[in-house]
Amino acid sequence: MANPRTIARLQERIRERAAYCLQFEVNDPRASFITITRVVLSPDIGFAKIFYSVLGGEADKNKAEHMLQSAGGFIQRQVARVLETRRVPHLRWIFDGSTEQAADMDRLIREAREHDRAINPALGTENEFAKPREDQPSPAEAAESAREADAEADEPEDE
């Protein structure tokens, strides 16, 4: 079993070399728009899972998967040249859908915030997570003061 620091160093070298191969050495148009997100190396350095994402639709994902399966041997030989180990890990390509999930989550959050603004227009369009300036009230304080001003305007004045 290898040292965790050694495994982390090898994972990074594999990620860099595989990305370089996909960008500059593989002459396949299907290799465009592929991003290697991370590499997980087994403790015995026998296997490496390379996680990748693809920009595009389902057809682009399928094309990229077939390209990676066919170019896997070439990329493994190129990775073996830069690794300084006796054993070369067997590369396994796994699609990483975390970027799509993050984009979907971002879209859902934006829709929820727009819905909240439609329900309560006093929230405004500013970022409620940003730190408010000291000379200006926070959005919640501004909404409260607006409600108080409306309540005072609705009260009849006694003479």
N, C-alpha and C. Protein backbone atom coordinates (compact mmCIF):
# COMPACT_ATOMS: atom_id res chain seq x y z
N MET A 1 0.85 -1.17 0.00
CA MET A 1 0.00 0.00 0.00
C MET A 1 0.89 1.23 0.00
N ALA A 2 0.56 2.17 -0.86
CA ALA A 2 1.38 3.37 -1.04
C ALA A 2 0.97 4.45 -0.04
N ASN A 3 1.88 5.37 0.17
CA ASN A 3 1.67 6.52 1.01
C ASN A 3 0.54 7.39 0.41
N PRO A 4 -0.38 7.93 1.21
CA PRO A 4 -1.46 8.78 0.66
C PRO A 4 -0.93 9.99 -0.11
N ARG A 5 0.20 10.52 0.32
CA ARG A 5 0.77 11.66 -0.43
C ARG A 5 1.26 11.21 -1.80
N THR A 6 1.82 10.01 -1.87
CA THR A 6 2.27 9.47 -3.14
C THR A 6 1.09 9.24 -4.07
N ILE A 7 0.01 8.68 -3.51
CA ILE A 7 -1.19 8.43 -4.31
C ILE A 7 -1.76 9.75 -4.83
N ALA A 8 -1.81 10.77 -3.99
CA ALA A 8 -2.32 12.08 -4.42
C ALA A 8 -1.45 12.67 -5.53
N ARG A 9 -0.13 12.52 -5.40
CA ARG A 9 0.78 13.03 -6.43
C ARG A 9 0.57 12.28 -7.75
N LEU A 10 0.43 10.95 -7.68
CA LEU A 10 0.22 10.16 -8.89
C LEU A 10 -1.13 10.47 -9.54
N GLN A 11 -2.16 10.67 -8.71
CA GLN A 11 -3.48 11.03 -9.25
C GLN A 11 -3.40 12.32 -10.05
N GLU A 12 -2.69 13.29 -9.52
CA GLU A 12 -2.57 14.58 -10.21
C GLU A 12 -1.76 14.43 -11.50
N ARG A 13 -0.70 13.64 -11.48
CA ARG A 13 0.10 13.42 -12.70
C ARG A 13 -0.74 12.72 -13.77
N ILE A 14 -1.54 11.74 -13.35
CA ILE A 14 -2.39 11.03 -14.32
C ILE A 14 -3.41 12.00 -14.91
N ARG A 15 -4.02 12.83 -14.07
CA ARG A 15 -5.01 13.79 -14.55
C ARG A 15 -4.39 14.77 -15.53
N GLU A 16 -3.21 15.29 -15.20
CA GLU A 16 -2.55 16.26 -16.10
C GLU A 16 -2.20 15.62 -17.43
N ARG A 17 -1.61 14.42 -17.39
CA ARG A 17 -1.16 13.78 -18.63
C ARG A 17 -2.33 13.34 -19.51
N ALA A 18 -3.38 12.81 -18.89
CA ALA A 18 -4.54 12.39 -19.68
C ALA A 18 -5.22 13.61 -20.32
N ALA A 19 -5.31 14.70 -19.58
CA ALA A 19 -5.90 15.92 -20.14
C ALA A 19 -5.05 16.46 -21.28
N TYR A 20 -3.73 16.42 -21.13
CA TYR A 20 -2.84 16.88 -22.19
C TYR A 20 -3.02 16.01 -23.44
N CYS A 21 -3.11 14.70 -23.24
CA CYS A 21 -3.31 13.80 -24.39
C CYS A 21 -4.61 14.11 -25.12
N LEU A 22 -5.67 14.31 -24.36
CA LEU A 22 -6.95 14.59 -24.99
C LEU A 22 -6.94 15.92 -25.73
N GLN A 23 -6.20 16.88 -25.20
CA GLN A 23 -6.21 18.20 -25.82
C GLN A 23 -5.29 18.30 -27.03
N PHE A 24 -4.11 17.68 -26.96
CA PHE A 24 -3.12 17.91 -28.00
C PHE A 24 -2.72 16.67 -28.82
N GLU A 25 -2.86 15.49 -28.30
CA GLU A 25 -2.31 14.32 -28.98
C GLU A 25 -3.34 13.42 -29.65
N VAL A 26 -4.55 13.41 -29.17
CA VAL A 26 -5.60 12.59 -29.78
C VAL A 26 -6.22 13.39 -30.91
N ASN A 27 -6.06 12.90 -32.12
CA ASN A 27 -6.59 13.59 -33.30
C ASN A 27 -7.98 13.05 -33.63
N ASP A 28 -8.89 13.32 -32.75
CA ASP A 28 -10.26 12.86 -32.92
C ASP A 28 -11.19 14.03 -32.60
N PRO A 29 -12.07 14.39 -33.51
CA PRO A 29 -12.96 15.53 -33.22
C PRO A 29 -13.89 15.28 -32.05
N ARG A 30 -14.10 14.01 -31.69
CA ARG A 30 -14.97 13.70 -30.55
C ARG A 30 -14.31 14.06 -29.23
N ALA A 31 -13.00 14.32 -29.24
CA ALA A 31 -12.27 14.63 -28.00
C ALA A 31 -12.46 16.06 -27.54
N SER A 32 -13.11 16.88 -28.35
CA SER A 32 -13.31 18.26 -27.93
C SER A 32 -14.39 18.33 -26.85
N PHE A 33 -14.29 19.32 -26.02
CA PHE A 33 -15.25 19.60 -24.95
C PHE A 33 -15.30 18.51 -23.88
N ILE A 34 -14.20 17.77 -23.69
CA ILE A 34 -14.10 16.81 -22.60
C ILE A 34 -13.23 17.43 -21.52
N THR A 35 -13.70 17.36 -20.29
CA THR A 35 -12.95 17.87 -19.15
C THR A 35 -12.73 16.74 -18.17
N ILE A 36 -11.48 16.53 -17.78
CA ILE A 36 -11.19 15.53 -16.76
C ILE A 36 -11.36 16.21 -15.41
N THR A 37 -12.32 15.73 -14.63
CA THR A 37 -12.63 16.38 -13.37
C THR A 37 -11.76 15.88 -12.22
N ARG A 38 -11.53 14.58 -12.17
CA ARG A 38 -10.69 14.05 -11.10
C ARG A 38 -10.25 12.64 -11.43
N VAL A 39 -9.26 12.15 -10.67
CA VAL A 39 -8.74 10.80 -10.82
C VAL A 39 -8.71 10.17 -9.43
N VAL A 40 -9.18 8.93 -9.35
CA VAL A 40 -9.12 8.19 -8.09
C VAL A 40 -8.27 6.95 -8.35
N LEU A 41 -7.18 6.85 -7.60
CA LEU A 41 -6.23 5.75 -7.77
C LEU A 41 -6.42 4.75 -6.64
N SER A 42 -6.40 3.46 -6.96
CA SER A 42 -6.55 2.44 -5.92
C SER A 42 -5.30 2.42 -5.05
N PRO A 43 -5.42 1.97 -3.80
CA PRO A 43 -4.25 1.97 -2.90
C PRO A 43 -3.08 1.13 -3.40
N ASP A 44 -3.36 0.09 -4.17
CA ASP A 44 -2.27 -0.75 -4.69
C ASP A 44 -1.76 -0.26 -6.05
N ILE A 45 -2.23 0.88 -6.50
CA ILE A 45 -1.84 1.52 -7.77
C ILE A 45 -2.10 0.59 -8.96
N GLY A 46 -3.11 -0.24 -8.85
CA GLY A 46 -3.43 -1.16 -9.94
C GLY A 46 -4.48 -0.60 -10.89
N PHE A 47 -5.37 0.24 -10.36
CA PHE A 47 -6.45 0.77 -11.16
C PHE A 47 -6.60 2.26 -10.90
N ALA A 48 -6.99 2.99 -11.94
CA ALA A 48 -7.27 4.43 -11.81
C ALA A 48 -8.61 4.70 -12.48
N LYS A 49 -9.49 5.33 -11.74
CA LYS A 49 -10.77 5.76 -12.30
C LYS A 49 -10.61 7.21 -12.70
N ILE A 50 -10.82 7.49 -13.98
CA ILE A 50 -10.73 8.86 -14.48
C ILE A 50 -12.15 9.35 -14.72
N PHE A 51 -12.53 10.37 -13.97
CA PHE A 51 -13.86 10.96 -14.10
C PHE A 51 -13.79 12.12 -15.07
N TYR A 52 -14.73 12.16 -16.01
CA TYR A 52 -14.74 13.20 -17.03
C TYR A 52 -16.14 13.74 -17.20
N SER A 53 -16.22 14.96 -17.72
CA SER A 53 -17.50 15.55 -18.07
C SER A 53 -17.42 16.04 -19.51
N VAL A 54 -18.58 16.16 -20.12
CA VAL A 54 -18.66 16.54 -21.53
C VAL A 54 -19.63 17.70 -21.66
N LEU A 55 -19.22 18.69 -22.41
CA LEU A 55 -20.09 19.82 -22.70
C LEU A 55 -20.91 19.46 -23.93
N GLY A 56 -22.21 19.41 -23.76
CA GLY A 56 -23.07 19.07 -24.89
C GLY A 56 -24.22 18.19 -24.45
N GLY A 57 -24.90 17.65 -25.41
CA GLY A 57 -26.08 16.83 -25.15
C GLY A 57 -25.73 15.36 -24.98
N GLU A 58 -26.78 14.55 -24.99
CA GLU A 58 -26.62 13.11 -24.79
C GLU A 58 -25.83 12.46 -25.92
N ALA A 59 -26.01 12.95 -27.14
CA ALA A 59 -25.26 12.40 -28.28
C ALA A 59 -23.76 12.68 -28.12
N ASP A 60 -23.42 13.88 -27.64
CA ASP A 60 -22.01 14.21 -27.43
C ASP A 60 -21.40 13.33 -26.34
N LYS A 61 -22.18 13.02 -25.31
CA LYS A 61 -21.69 12.14 -24.24
C LYS A 61 -21.40 10.75 -24.78
N ASN A 62 -22.30 10.23 -25.60
CA ASN A 62 -22.09 8.89 -26.16
C ASN A 62 -20.87 8.86 -27.08
N LYS A 63 -20.71 9.90 -27.90
CA LYS A 63 -19.55 9.97 -28.79
C LYS A 63 -18.25 10.03 -27.99
N ALA A 64 -18.25 10.83 -26.92
CA ALA A 64 -17.06 10.95 -26.10
C ALA A 64 -16.74 9.64 -25.40
N GLU A 65 -17.77 8.94 -24.94
CA GLU A 65 -17.55 7.65 -24.27
C GLU A 65 -16.91 6.65 -25.22
N HIS A 66 -17.42 6.58 -26.46
CA HIS A 66 -16.84 5.65 -27.44
C HIS A 66 -15.42 6.04 -27.80
N MET A 67 -15.17 7.33 -27.92
CA MET A 67 -13.82 7.79 -28.24
C MET A 67 -12.85 7.44 -27.12
N LEU A 68 -13.26 7.64 -25.87
CA LEU A 68 -12.37 7.34 -24.75
C LEU A 68 -12.10 5.84 -24.64
N GLN A 69 -13.09 5.02 -24.95
CA GLN A 69 -12.87 3.58 -24.93
C GLN A 69 -11.88 3.15 -26.01
N SER A 70 -11.97 3.77 -27.18
CA SER A 70 -11.07 3.39 -28.27
C SER A 70 -9.68 3.98 -28.09
N ALA A 71 -9.56 5.14 -27.50
CA ALA A 71 -8.25 5.78 -27.30
C ALA A 71 -7.65 5.47 -25.94
N GLY A 72 -8.32 4.62 -25.15
CA GLY A 72 -7.86 4.32 -23.80
C GLY A 72 -6.46 3.72 -23.75
N GLY A 73 -6.15 2.83 -24.66
CA GLY A 73 -4.82 2.20 -24.68
C GLY A 73 -3.72 3.21 -24.98
N PHE A 74 -3.97 4.08 -25.96
CA PHE A 74 -2.99 5.12 -26.29
C PHE A 74 -2.76 6.04 -25.11
N ILE A 75 -3.84 6.47 -24.46
CA ILE A 75 -3.70 7.38 -23.32
C ILE A 75 -2.99 6.68 -22.17
N GLN A 76 -3.26 5.40 -21.97
CA GLN A 76 -2.59 4.66 -20.90
C GLN A 76 -1.09 4.56 -21.17
N ARG A 77 -0.69 4.36 -22.41
CA ARG A 77 0.76 4.33 -22.73
C ARG A 77 1.40 5.69 -22.49
N GLN A 78 0.68 6.77 -22.83
CA GLN A 78 1.22 8.10 -22.61
C GLN A 78 1.33 8.41 -21.11
N VAL A 79 0.37 7.95 -20.33
CA VAL A 79 0.43 8.13 -18.87
C VAL A 79 1.60 7.34 -18.30
N ALA A 80 1.83 6.12 -18.84
CA ALA A 80 2.92 5.28 -18.34
C ALA A 80 4.28 5.94 -18.53
N ARG A 81 4.43 6.75 -19.57
CA ARG A 81 5.71 7.42 -19.83
C ARG A 81 6.07 8.44 -18.75
N VAL A 82 5.08 9.10 -18.18
CA VAL A 82 5.37 10.15 -17.20
C VAL A 82 5.37 9.63 -15.76
N LEU A 83 4.71 8.50 -15.51
CA LEU A 83 4.71 7.95 -14.15
C LEU A 83 6.04 7.25 -13.90
N GLU A 84 6.54 7.41 -12.73
CA GLU A 84 7.80 6.77 -12.36
C GLU A 84 7.52 5.64 -11.39
N THR A 85 6.73 4.67 -11.85
CA THR A 85 6.35 3.52 -11.04
C THR A 85 6.63 2.24 -11.81
N ARG A 86 6.73 1.15 -11.08
CA ARG A 86 6.92 -0.14 -11.74
C ARG A 86 5.64 -0.60 -12.42
N ARG A 87 4.53 -0.35 -11.76
CA ARG A 87 3.23 -0.76 -12.30
C ARG A 87 2.52 0.45 -12.88
N VAL A 88 1.87 0.22 -13.97
CA VAL A 88 1.05 1.27 -14.59
C VAL A 88 -0.40 0.92 -14.30
N PRO A 89 -1.15 1.85 -13.72
CA PRO A 89 -2.54 1.53 -13.40
C PRO A 89 -3.38 1.38 -14.67
N HIS A 90 -4.33 0.47 -14.58
CA HIS A 90 -5.29 0.29 -15.67
C HIS A 90 -6.31 1.42 -15.57
N LEU A 91 -6.50 2.16 -16.66
CA LEU A 91 -7.39 3.32 -16.65
C LEU A 91 -8.82 2.91 -16.95
N ARG A 92 -9.73 3.44 -16.17
CA ARG A 92 -11.14 3.20 -16.38
C ARG A 92 -11.83 4.56 -16.45
N TRP A 93 -12.63 4.79 -17.49
CA TRP A 93 -13.26 6.08 -17.73
C TRP A 93 -14.68 6.06 -17.19
N ILE A 94 -15.01 7.06 -16.36
CA ILE A 94 -16.33 7.14 -15.75
C ILE A 94 -16.88 8.55 -15.96
N PHE A 95 -18.10 8.62 -16.47
CA PHE A 95 -18.73 9.92 -16.70
C PHE A 95 -19.09 10.55 -15.36
N ASP A 96 -18.77 11.82 -15.21
CA ASP A 96 -19.04 12.57 -13.97
C ASP A 96 -20.16 13.57 -14.25
N GLY A 97 -21.32 13.31 -13.71
CA GLY A 97 -22.47 14.18 -13.93
C GLY A 97 -22.61 15.28 -12.89
N SER A 98 -21.59 15.49 -12.08
CA SER A 98 -21.71 16.49 -11.01
C SER A 98 -21.85 17.91 -11.56
N THR A 99 -21.25 18.21 -12.70
CA THR A 99 -21.37 19.55 -13.26
C THR A 99 -22.80 19.81 -13.73
N GLU A 100 -23.44 18.78 -14.29
CA GLU A 100 -24.84 18.92 -14.70
C GLU A 100 -25.74 19.08 -13.48
N GLN A 101 -25.45 18.32 -12.43
CA GLN A 101 -26.25 18.44 -11.21
C GLN A 101 -26.09 19.82 -10.60
N ALA A 102 -24.87 20.35 -10.63
CA ALA A 102 -24.63 21.70 -10.09
C ALA A 102 -25.39 22.74 -10.91
N ALA A 103 -25.40 22.59 -12.22
CA ALA A 103 -26.14 23.54 -13.07
C ALA A 103 -27.64 23.44 -12.81
N ASP A 104 -28.16 22.22 -12.62
CA ASP A 104 -29.57 22.07 -12.31
C ASP A 104 -29.91 22.68 -10.95
N MET A 105 -29.04 22.48 -9.97
CA MET A 105 -29.27 23.04 -8.64
C MET A 105 -29.25 24.57 -8.70
N ASP A 106 -28.33 25.13 -9.47
CA ASP A 106 -28.26 26.58 -9.63
C ASP A 106 -29.54 27.12 -10.27
N ARG A 107 -30.02 26.40 -11.28
CA ARG A 107 -31.26 26.81 -11.95
C ARG A 107 -32.44 26.77 -10.98
N LEU A 108 -32.52 25.72 -10.17
CA LEU A 108 -33.62 25.60 -9.21
C LEU A 108 -33.56 26.71 -8.15
N ILE A 109 -32.36 27.04 -7.70
CA ILE A 109 -32.21 28.12 -6.72
C ILE A 109 -32.64 29.45 -7.32
N ARG A 110 -32.23 29.70 -8.57
CA ARG A 110 -32.63 30.95 -9.22
C ARG A 110 -34.15 31.04 -9.38
N GLU A 111 -34.77 29.92 -9.77
CA GLU A 111 -36.22 29.92 -9.93
C GLU A 111 -36.91 30.15 -8.59
N ALA A 112 -36.40 29.56 -7.53
CA ALA A 112 -37.00 29.74 -6.21
C ALA A 112 -36.86 31.19 -5.75
N ARG A 113 -35.71 31.80 -6.01
CA ARG A 113 -35.51 33.20 -5.61
C ARG A 113 -36.43 34.12 -6.41
N GLU A 114 -36.61 33.84 -7.72
CA GLU A 114 -37.54 34.64 -8.52
C GLU A 114 -38.97 34.49 -8.01
N HIS A 115 -39.32 33.26 -7.63
CA HIS A 115 -40.66 33.02 -7.08
C HIS A 115 -40.84 33.78 -5.76
N ASP A 116 -39.81 33.78 -4.92
CA ASP A 116 -39.88 34.52 -3.66
C ASP A 116 -40.03 36.02 -3.91
N ARG A 117 -39.32 36.54 -4.90
CA ARG A 117 -39.44 37.97 -5.22
C ARG A 117 -40.83 38.30 -5.76
N ALA A 118 -41.43 37.36 -6.49
CA ALA A 118 -42.78 37.59 -7.01
C ALA A 118 -43.78 37.63 -5.86
N ILE A 119 -43.57 36.81 -4.85
CA ILE A 119 -44.47 36.79 -3.70
C ILE A 119 -44.26 38.03 -2.83
N ASN A 120 -43.00 38.38 -2.58
CA ASN A 120 -42.68 39.51 -1.70
C ASN A 120 -41.74 40.45 -2.45
N PRO A 121 -42.27 41.47 -3.12
CA PRO A 121 -41.42 42.37 -3.90
C PRO A 121 -40.46 43.19 -3.05
N ALA A 122 -40.68 43.26 -1.75
CA ALA A 122 -39.79 44.03 -0.88
C ALA A 122 -38.41 43.41 -0.78
N LEU A 123 -38.28 42.15 -1.19
CA LEU A 123 -36.97 41.51 -1.14
C LEU A 123 -35.98 42.17 -2.09
N GLY A 124 -36.44 42.68 -3.19
CA GLY A 124 -35.55 43.36 -4.14
C GLY A 124 -34.75 42.37 -4.97
N THR A 125 -33.84 42.92 -5.75
CA THR A 125 -33.04 42.08 -6.63
C THR A 125 -31.61 41.94 -6.17
N GLU A 126 -31.26 42.55 -5.06
CA GLU A 126 -29.87 42.47 -4.61
C GLU A 126 -29.60 41.12 -3.96
N ASN A 127 -28.37 40.81 -3.82
CA ASN A 127 -27.94 39.55 -3.26
C ASN A 127 -28.06 39.59 -1.74
N GLU A 128 -28.96 38.78 -1.20
CA GLU A 128 -29.15 38.82 0.25
C GLU A 128 -28.01 38.16 1.00
N PHE A 129 -27.13 37.44 0.30
CA PHE A 129 -26.00 36.80 0.95
C PHE A 129 -24.79 37.72 1.04
N ALA A 130 -24.83 38.82 0.30
CA ALA A 130 -23.72 39.76 0.35
C ALA A 130 -23.77 40.54 1.66
N LYS A 131 -22.61 40.89 2.14
CA LYS A 131 -22.52 41.65 3.39
C LYS A 131 -23.01 43.08 3.13
N PRO A 132 -24.01 43.53 3.91
CA PRO A 132 -24.52 44.89 3.66
C PRO A 132 -23.52 45.94 4.12
N ARG A 133 -23.56 47.06 3.45
CA ARG A 133 -22.72 48.18 3.85
C ARG A 133 -23.27 48.77 5.14
N GLU A 134 -22.41 49.34 5.92
CA GLU A 134 -22.84 49.86 7.22
C GLU A 134 -23.74 51.08 7.08
N ASP A 135 -23.58 51.85 6.01
CA ASP A 135 -24.39 53.06 5.87
C ASP A 135 -25.77 52.78 5.25
N GLN A 136 -26.01 51.52 4.83
CA GLN A 136 -27.29 51.17 4.25
C GLN A 136 -27.92 50.03 5.05
N PRO A 137 -29.24 50.01 5.18
CA PRO A 137 -29.88 48.92 5.91
C PRO A 137 -29.87 47.63 5.09
N SER A 138 -29.98 46.52 5.78
CA SER A 138 -30.07 45.24 5.08
C SER A 138 -31.42 45.15 4.39
N PRO A 139 -31.60 44.23 3.45
CA PRO A 139 -32.90 44.11 2.77
C PRO A 139 -34.04 43.83 3.74
N ALA A 140 -33.79 43.05 4.79
CA ALA A 140 -34.85 42.77 5.76
C ALA A 140 -35.21 44.04 6.54
N GLU A 141 -34.21 44.81 6.93
CA GLU A 141 -34.47 46.06 7.64
C GLU A 141 -35.20 47.05 6.74
N ALA A 142 -34.83 47.11 5.47
CA ALA A 142 -35.49 48.02 4.53
C ALA A 142 -36.95 47.63 4.35
N ALA A 143 -37.23 46.32 4.26
CA ALA A 143 -38.61 45.86 4.11
C ALA A 143 -39.41 46.19 5.36
N GLU A 144 -38.81 46.03 6.55
CA GLU A 144 -39.50 46.34 7.80
C GLU A 144 -39.81 47.83 7.91
N SER A 145 -38.84 48.67 7.56
CA SER A 145 -39.08 50.12 7.63
C SER A 145 -40.14 50.55 6.60
N ALA A 146 -40.19 49.89 5.45
CA ALA A 146 -41.22 50.20 4.45
C ALA A 146 -42.59 49.82 4.97
N ARG A 147 -42.70 48.67 5.66
CA ARG A 147 -43.97 48.26 6.24
C ARG A 147 -44.42 49.25 7.32
N GLU A 148 -43.47 49.70 8.14
CA GLU A 148 -43.81 50.66 9.19
C GLU A 148 -44.28 51.99 8.58
N ALA A 149 -43.62 52.43 7.52
CA ALA A 149 -44.01 53.67 6.86
C ALA A 149 -45.40 53.55 6.25
N ASP A 150 -45.71 52.39 5.68
CA ASP A 150 -47.05 52.17 5.12
C ASP A 150 -48.10 52.16 6.22
N ALA A 151 -47.77 51.55 7.35
CA ALA A 151 -48.72 51.48 8.47
C ALA A 151 -48.98 52.88 9.02
N GLU A 152 -47.94 53.71 9.12
CA GLU A 152 -48.11 55.08 9.61
C GLU A 152 -48.93 55.93 8.63
N ALA A 153 -48.77 55.70 7.36
CA ALA A 153 -49.50 56.47 6.35
C ALA A 153 -50.99 56.10 6.35
N ASP A 154 -51.31 54.85 6.70
CA ASP A 154 -52.69 54.40 6.70
C ASP A 154 -53.47 54.87 7.92
N GLU A 155 -52.77 55.23 9.02
CA GLU A 155 -53.46 55.67 10.24
C GLU A 155 -54.04 57.07 10.04
N PRO A 156 -55.30 57.30 10.50
CA PRO A 156 -55.88 58.65 10.39
C PRO A 156 -55.26 59.57 11.45
N GLU A 157 -55.10 60.82 11.09
CA GLU A 157 -54.52 61.78 12.00
C GLU A 157 -55.62 62.43 12.82
N ASP A 158 -55.41 62.58 14.14
CA ASP A 158 -56.37 63.24 15.02
C ASP A 158 -56.03 64.72 15.14
N GLU A 159 -57.07 65.59 15.07
CA GLU A 159 -56.83 67.02 15.21
C GLU A 159 -57.47 67.56 16.44
